[in-house]
PDB file of all heavy atoms in Angstrom:
ATOM      1  N   LEU A   1      -0.437   5.620  22.200  1.00  0.00           N
ATOM      2  CA  LEU A   1      -0.607   5.859  20.812  1.00  0.00           C
ATOM      3  C   LEU A   1      -1.345   4.697  20.342  1.00  0.00           C
ATOM      4  O   LEU A   1      -0.727   3.547  20.113  1.00  0.00           O
ATOM      5  CB  LEU A   1       0.566   6.120  19.935  1.00  0.00           C
ATOM      6  CG  LEU A   1       0.459   6.378  18.436  1.00  0.00           C
ATOM      7  CD1 LEU A   1      -0.292   7.789  18.308  1.00  0.00           C
ATOM      8  CD2 LEU A   1       1.706   6.370  17.774  1.00  0.00           C
ATOM      9  N   GLN A   2      -2.717   4.776  20.129  1.00  0.00           N
ATOM     10  CA  GLN A   2      -3.469   3.688  19.533  1.00  0.00           C
ATOM     11  C   GLN A   2      -3.413   3.760  18.059  1.00  0.00           C
ATOM     12  O   GLN A   2      -3.853   4.767  17.476  1.00  0.00           O
ATOM     13  CB  GLN A   2      -4.881   3.781  20.073  1.00  0.00           C
ATOM     14  CG  GLN A   2      -5.866   2.577  19.501  1.00  0.00           C
ATOM     15  CD  GLN A   2      -5.422   1.347  20.080  1.00  0.00           C
ATOM     16  OE1 GLN A   2      -5.248   1.076  21.251  1.00  0.00           O
ATOM     17  NE2 GLN A   2      -5.222   0.353  19.134  1.00  0.00           N
ATOM     18  N   MET A   3      -2.877   2.729  17.485  1.00  0.00           N
ATOM     19  CA  MET A   3      -2.791   2.738  16.019  1.00  0.00           C
ATOM     20  C   MET A   3      -3.597   1.735  15.403  1.00  0.00           C
ATOM     21  O   MET A   3      -3.603   0.512  15.793  1.00  0.00           O
ATOM     22  CB  MET A   3      -1.305   2.395  15.582  1.00  0.00           C
ATOM     23  CG  MET A   3      -0.384   3.434  16.241  1.00  0.00           C
ATOM     24  SD  MET A   3       1.288   3.066  15.684  1.00  0.00           S
ATOM     25  CE  MET A   3       1.637   1.476  16.425  1.00  0.00           C
ATOM     26  N   THR A   4      -4.457   2.071  14.409  1.00  0.00           N
ATOM     27  CA  THR A   4      -5.383   1.251  13.754  1.00  0.00           C
ATOM     28  C   THR A   4      -5.212   1.312  12.322  1.00  0.00           C
ATOM     29  O   THR A   4      -4.569   2.207  11.802  1.00  0.00           O
ATOM     30  CB  THR A   4      -6.845   1.399  14.075  1.00  0.00           C
ATOM     31  OG1 THR A   4      -7.145   2.800  13.730  1.00  0.00           O
ATOM     32  CG2 THR A   4      -7.078   1.294  15.650  1.00  0.00           C
ATOM     33  N   ASN A   5      -5.671   0.221  11.609  1.00  0.00           N
ATOM     34  CA  ASN A   5      -5.566   0.098  10.144  1.00  0.00           C
ATOM     35  C   ASN A   5      -4.056   0.469   9.701  1.00  0.00           C
ATOM     36  O   ASN A   5      -3.773   1.282   8.864  1.00  0.00           O
ATOM     37  CB  ASN A   5      -6.457   1.158   9.456  1.00  0.00           C
ATOM     38  CG  ASN A   5      -6.537   0.955   7.975  1.00  0.00           C
ATOM     39  OD1 ASN A   5      -6.308  -0.214   7.442  1.00  0.00           O
ATOM     40  ND2 ASN A   5      -6.973   1.843   7.134  1.00  0.00           N
ATOM     41  N   LEU A   6      -3.083  -0.184  10.355  1.00  0.00           N
ATOM     42  CA  LEU A   6      -1.719   0.131  10.056  1.00  0.00           C
ATOM     43  C   LEU A   6      -1.390  -0.293   8.610  1.00  0.00           C
ATOM     44  O   LEU A   6      -1.918  -1.268   8.087  1.00  0.00           O
ATOM     45  CB  LEU A   6      -0.882  -0.734  11.043  1.00  0.00           C
ATOM     46  CG  LEU A   6      -0.797  -0.235  12.417  1.00  0.00           C
ATOM     47  CD1 LEU A   6      -0.283  -1.336  13.427  1.00  0.00           C
ATOM     48  CD2 LEU A   6       0.234   0.999  12.378  1.00  0.00           C
ATOM     49  N   LYS A   7      -0.475   0.462   8.105  1.00  0.00           N
ATOM     50  CA  LYS A   7       0.025   0.441   6.756  1.00  0.00           C
ATOM     51  C   LYS A   7       1.481   0.067   6.729  1.00  0.00           C
ATOM     52  O   LYS A   7       2.288   0.496   7.651  1.00  0.00           O
ATOM     53  CB  LYS A   7      -0.307   1.613   5.880  1.00  0.00           C
ATOM     54  CG  LYS A   7      -1.814   2.020   5.916  1.00  0.00           C
ATOM     55  CD  LYS A   7      -2.054   3.331   5.221  1.00  0.00           C
ATOM     56  CE  LYS A   7      -3.505   3.611   5.197  1.00  0.00           C
ATOM     57  NZ  LYS A   7      -3.770   4.945   4.450  1.00  0.00           N
ATOM     58  N   PRO A   8       2.009  -0.551   5.682  1.00  0.00           N
ATOM     59  CA  PRO A   8       3.454  -0.733   5.529  1.00  0.00           C
ATOM     60  C   PRO A   8       4.282   0.627   5.741  1.00  0.00           C
ATOM     61  O   PRO A   8       5.375   0.551   6.355  1.00  0.00           O
ATOM     62  CB  PRO A   8       3.581  -1.302   4.159  1.00  0.00           C
ATOM     63  CG  PRO A   8       2.383  -2.039   3.917  1.00  0.00           C
ATOM     64  CD  PRO A   8       1.235  -1.110   4.551  1.00  0.00           C
ATOM     65  N   GLU A   9       3.761   1.710   5.284  1.00  0.00           N
ATOM     66  CA  GLU A   9       4.449   2.943   5.347  1.00  0.00           C
ATOM     67  C   GLU A   9       4.505   3.541   6.840  1.00  0.00           C
ATOM     68  O   GLU A   9       5.282   4.439   7.145  1.00  0.00           O
ATOM     69  CB  GLU A   9       3.877   3.919   4.436  1.00  0.00           C
ATOM     70  CG  GLU A   9       2.402   4.192   4.610  1.00  0.00           C
ATOM     71  CD  GLU A   9       1.588   3.475   3.547  1.00  0.00           C
ATOM     72  OE1 GLU A   9       1.914   2.224   3.216  1.00  0.00           O
ATOM     73  OE2 GLU A   9       0.613   4.045   3.004  1.00  0.00           O
ATOM     74  N   ASP A  10       3.755   2.856   7.727  1.00  0.00           N
ATOM     75  CA  ASP A  10       3.944   3.132   9.178  1.00  0.00           C
ATOM     76  C   ASP A  10       5.096   2.511   9.764  1.00  0.00           C
ATOM     77  O   ASP A  10       5.453   2.811  10.915  1.00  0.00           O
ATOM     78  CB  ASP A  10       2.636   2.687   9.957  1.00  0.00           C
ATOM     79  CG  ASP A  10       1.438   3.520   9.465  1.00  0.00           C
ATOM     80  OD1 ASP A  10       1.537   4.767   9.218  1.00  0.00           O
ATOM     81  OD2 ASP A  10       0.397   2.868   9.376  1.00  0.00           O
ATOM     82  N   THR A  11       5.750   1.670   9.102  1.00  0.00           N
ATOM     83  CA  THR A  11       6.936   0.949   9.592  1.00  0.00           C
ATOM     84  C   THR A  11       8.034   1.952   9.982  1.00  0.00           C
ATOM     85  O   THR A  11       8.380   2.790   9.168  1.00  0.00           O
ATOM     86  CB  THR A  11       7.517  -0.047   8.606  1.00  0.00           C
ATOM     87  OG1 THR A  11       6.461  -1.048   8.340  1.00  0.00           O
ATOM     88  CG2 THR A  11       8.783  -0.658   9.115  1.00  0.00           C
ATOM     89  N   ALA A  12       8.408   1.958  11.297  1.00  0.00           N
ATOM     90  CA  ALA A  12       9.487   2.916  11.749  1.00  0.00           C
ATOM     91  C   ALA A  12       9.705   2.584  13.158  1.00  0.00           C
ATOM     92  O   ALA A  12       9.127   1.751  13.796  1.00  0.00           O
ATOM     93  CB  ALA A  12       8.872   4.345  11.605  1.00  0.00           C
ATOM     94  N   VAL A  13      10.740   3.230  13.690  1.00  0.00           N
ATOM     95  CA  VAL A  13      10.995   3.227  15.089  1.00  0.00           C
ATOM     96  C   VAL A  13      10.149   4.423  15.702  1.00  0.00           C
ATOM     97  O   VAL A  13      10.302   5.544  15.271  1.00  0.00           O
ATOM     98  CB  VAL A  13      12.429   3.403  15.539  1.00  0.00           C
ATOM     99  CG1 VAL A  13      12.714   3.486  16.964  1.00  0.00           C
ATOM    100  CG2 VAL A  13      13.305   2.279  14.898  1.00  0.00           C
ATOM    101  N   TYR A  14       9.403   4.131  16.652  1.00  0.00           N
ATOM    102  CA  TYR A  14       8.558   5.174  17.288  1.00  0.00           C
ATOM    103  C   TYR A  14       9.139   5.682  18.580  1.00  0.00           C
ATOM    104  O   TYR A  14       9.438   4.890  19.501  1.00  0.00           O
ATOM    105  CB  TYR A  14       7.112   4.650  17.489  1.00  0.00           C
ATOM    106  CG  TYR A  14       6.258   4.543  16.184  1.00  0.00           C
ATOM    107  CD1 TYR A  14       6.669   3.586  15.166  1.00  0.00           C
ATOM    108  CD2 TYR A  14       5.231   5.400  15.967  1.00  0.00           C
ATOM    109  CE1 TYR A  14       5.957   3.527  14.002  1.00  0.00           C
ATOM    110  CE2 TYR A  14       4.453   5.398  14.791  1.00  0.00           C
ATOM    111  CZ  TYR A  14       4.857   4.464  13.817  1.00  0.00           C
ATOM    112  OH  TYR A  14       4.239   4.297  12.659  1.00  0.00           O
ATOM    113  N   TYR A  15       9.127   6.849  18.730  1.00  0.00           N
ATOM    114  CA  TYR A  15       9.767   7.507  19.950  1.00  0.00           C
ATOM    115  C   TYR A  15       8.813   8.377  20.668  1.00  0.00           C
ATOM    116  O   TYR A  15       7.979   9.108  20.032  1.00  0.00           O
ATOM    117  CB  TYR A  15      10.938   8.370  19.527  1.00  0.00           C
ATOM    118  CG  TYR A  15      12.055   7.589  18.966  1.00  0.00           C
ATOM    119  CD1 TYR A  15      12.204   7.576  17.598  1.00  0.00           C
ATOM    120  CD2 TYR A  15      13.149   7.157  19.717  1.00  0.00           C
ATOM    121  CE1 TYR A  15      13.227   6.879  16.903  1.00  0.00           C
ATOM    122  CE2 TYR A  15      14.261   6.428  19.069  1.00  0.00           C
ATOM    123  CZ  TYR A  15      14.320   6.394  17.789  1.00  0.00           C
ATOM    124  OH  TYR A  15      15.377   5.658  17.296  1.00  0.00           O
ATOM    125  N   CYS A  16       8.812   8.343  21.993  1.00  0.00           N
ATOM    126  CA  CYS A  16       8.050   9.201  22.869  1.00  0.00           C
ATOM    127  C   CYS A  16       8.969  10.294  23.275  1.00  0.00           C
ATOM    128  O   CYS A  16      10.121  10.086  23.744  1.00  0.00           O
ATOM    129  CB  CYS A  16       7.525   8.390  24.058  1.00  0.00           C
ATOM    130  SG  CYS A  16       6.664   9.408  25.280  1.00  0.00           S
ATOM    131  N   GLY A  17       8.459  11.581  23.240  1.00  0.00           N
ATOM    132  CA  GLY A  17       9.278  12.722  23.613  1.00  0.00           C
ATOM    133  C   GLY A  17       8.575  13.576  24.611  1.00  0.00           C
ATOM    134  O   GLY A  17       7.284  13.683  24.635  1.00  0.00           O
ATOM    135  N   ARG A  18       9.225  14.217  25.529  1.00  0.00           N
ATOM    136  CA  ARG A  18       8.676  15.085  26.566  1.00  0.00           C
ATOM    137  C   ARG A  18       8.927  16.518  26.081  1.00  0.00           C
ATOM    138  O   ARG A  18       9.938  16.939  25.801  1.00  0.00           O
ATOM    139  CB  ARG A  18       9.449  14.778  27.826  1.00  0.00           C
ATOM    140  CG  ARG A  18       8.740  15.570  29.039  1.00  0.00           C
ATOM    141  CD  ARG A  18       9.546  15.514  30.376  1.00  0.00           C
ATOM    142  NE  ARG A  18      10.721  16.495  30.309  1.00  0.00           N
ATOM    143  CZ  ARG A  18      11.374  16.923  31.257  1.00  0.00           C
ATOM    144  NH1 ARG A  18      10.980  16.502  32.440  1.00  0.00           N
ATOM    145  NH2 ARG A  18      12.395  17.722  31.144  1.00  0.00           N
ATOM    146  N   GLY A  19       7.739  17.283  26.086  1.00  0.00           N
ATOM    147  CA  GLY A  19       7.679  18.559  25.775  1.00  0.00           C
ATOM    148  C   GLY A  19       7.980  19.503  26.942  1.00  0.00           C
ATOM    149  O   GLY A  19       8.049  19.144  28.100  1.00  0.00           O
ATOM    150  N   PRO A  20       8.105  20.749  26.729  1.00  0.00           N
ATOM    151  CA  PRO A  20       8.296  21.748  27.804  1.00  0.00           C
ATOM    152  C   PRO A  20       7.113  21.935  28.655  1.00  0.00           C
ATOM    153  O   PRO A  20       5.923  21.582  28.303  1.00  0.00           O
ATOM    154  CB  PRO A  20       8.720  23.012  27.109  1.00  0.00           C
ATOM    155  CG  PRO A  20       8.025  22.972  25.715  1.00  0.00           C
ATOM    156  CD  PRO A  20       8.098  21.513  25.309  1.00  0.00           C
ATOM    157  N   LEU A  21       7.256  22.578  29.796  1.00  0.00           N
ATOM    158  CA  LEU A  21       6.146  22.755  30.675  1.00  0.00           C
ATOM    159  C   LEU A  21       5.189  23.827  30.063  1.00  0.00           C
ATOM    160  O   LEU A  21       5.536  24.780  29.428  1.00  0.00           O
ATOM    161  CB  LEU A  21       6.600  23.397  31.993  1.00  0.00           C
ATOM    162  CG  LEU A  21       7.348  22.484  32.991  1.00  0.00           C
ATOM    163  CD1 LEU A  21       8.051  23.281  34.090  1.00  0.00           C
ATOM    164  CD2 LEU A  21       6.242  21.446  33.546  1.00  0.00           C
ATOM    165  N   TYR A  22       3.953  23.468  30.297  1.00  0.00           N
ATOM    166  CA  TYR A  22       2.700  24.425  29.875  1.00  0.00           C
ATOM    167  C   TYR A  22       2.814  24.853  28.451  1.00  0.00           C
ATOM    168  O   TYR A  22       2.549  26.006  28.086  1.00  0.00           O
ATOM    169  CB  TYR A  22       2.760  25.679  30.755  1.00  0.00           C
ATOM    170  CG  TYR A  22       2.864  25.281  32.265  1.00  0.00           C
ATOM    171  CD1 TYR A  22       3.945  25.732  32.939  1.00  0.00           C
ATOM    172  CD2 TYR A  22       1.821  24.625  32.910  1.00  0.00           C
ATOM    173  CE1 TYR A  22       4.131  25.498  34.300  1.00  0.00           C
ATOM    174  CE2 TYR A  22       1.986  24.279  34.190  1.00  0.00           C
ATOM    175  CZ  TYR A  22       3.030  24.652  34.909  1.00  0.00           C
ATOM    176  OH  TYR A  22       3.095  24.390  36.254  1.00  0.00           O
ATOM    177  N   ALA A  23       3.217  23.921  27.579  1.00  0.00           N
ATOM    178  CA  ALA A  23       3.338  24.205  26.149  1.00  0.00           C
ATOM    179  C   ALA A  23       2.224  23.467  25.511  1.00  0.00           C
ATOM    180  O   ALA A  23       1.778  22.343  25.812  1.00  0.00           O
ATOM    181  CB  ALA A  23       4.672  23.745  25.714  1.00  0.00           C
ATOM    182  N   ASN A  24       1.789  24.085  24.380  1.00  0.00           N
ATOM    183  CA  ASN A  24       0.867  23.353  23.384  1.00  0.00           C
ATOM    184  C   ASN A  24       1.609  22.275  22.716  1.00  0.00           C
ATOM    185  O   ASN A  24       2.803  22.250  22.490  1.00  0.00           O
ATOM    186  CB  ASN A  24       0.413  24.315  22.375  1.00  0.00           C
ATOM    187  CG  ASN A  24      -0.667  25.392  22.975  1.00  0.00           C
ATOM    188  OD1 ASN A  24      -1.401  25.004  23.858  1.00  0.00           O
ATOM    189  ND2 ASN A  24      -0.549  26.572  22.486  1.00  0.00           N
ATOM    190  N   PRO A  25       0.849  21.259  22.189  1.00  0.00           N
ATOM    191  CA  PRO A  25       1.551  20.147  21.424  1.00  0.00           C
ATOM    192  C   PRO A  25       2.187  20.715  20.249  1.00  0.00           C
ATOM    193  O   PRO A  25       1.569  21.619  19.655  1.00  0.00           O
ATOM    194  CB  PRO A  25       0.354  19.217  21.154  1.00  0.00           C
ATOM    195  CG  PRO A  25      -0.811  20.006  21.379  1.00  0.00           C
ATOM    196  CD  PRO A  25      -0.531  20.955  22.426  1.00  0.00           C
ATOM    197  N   ASP A  26       3.326  20.322  19.867  1.00  0.00           N
ATOM    198  CA  ASP A  26       4.073  20.911  18.727  1.00  0.00           C
ATOM    199  C   ASP A  26       4.578  19.835  17.846  1.00  0.00           C
ATOM    200  O   ASP A  26       4.826  18.785  18.251  1.00  0.00           O
ATOM    201  CB  ASP A  26       5.329  21.690  19.357  1.00  0.00           C
ATOM    202  CG  ASP A  26       5.947  22.552  18.342  1.00  0.00           C
ATOM    203  OD1 ASP A  26       5.478  23.698  18.082  1.00  0.00           O
ATOM    204  OD2 ASP A  26       7.105  22.116  17.813  1.00  0.00           O
TER     205      ASP A  26
END
């Protein structure tokens, strides 16, 4: 995840999640 022009409201814990097989991004 390339993040540019970061803003204070972007402050958070960022998590990576694995989706199901052969699924569209959801």
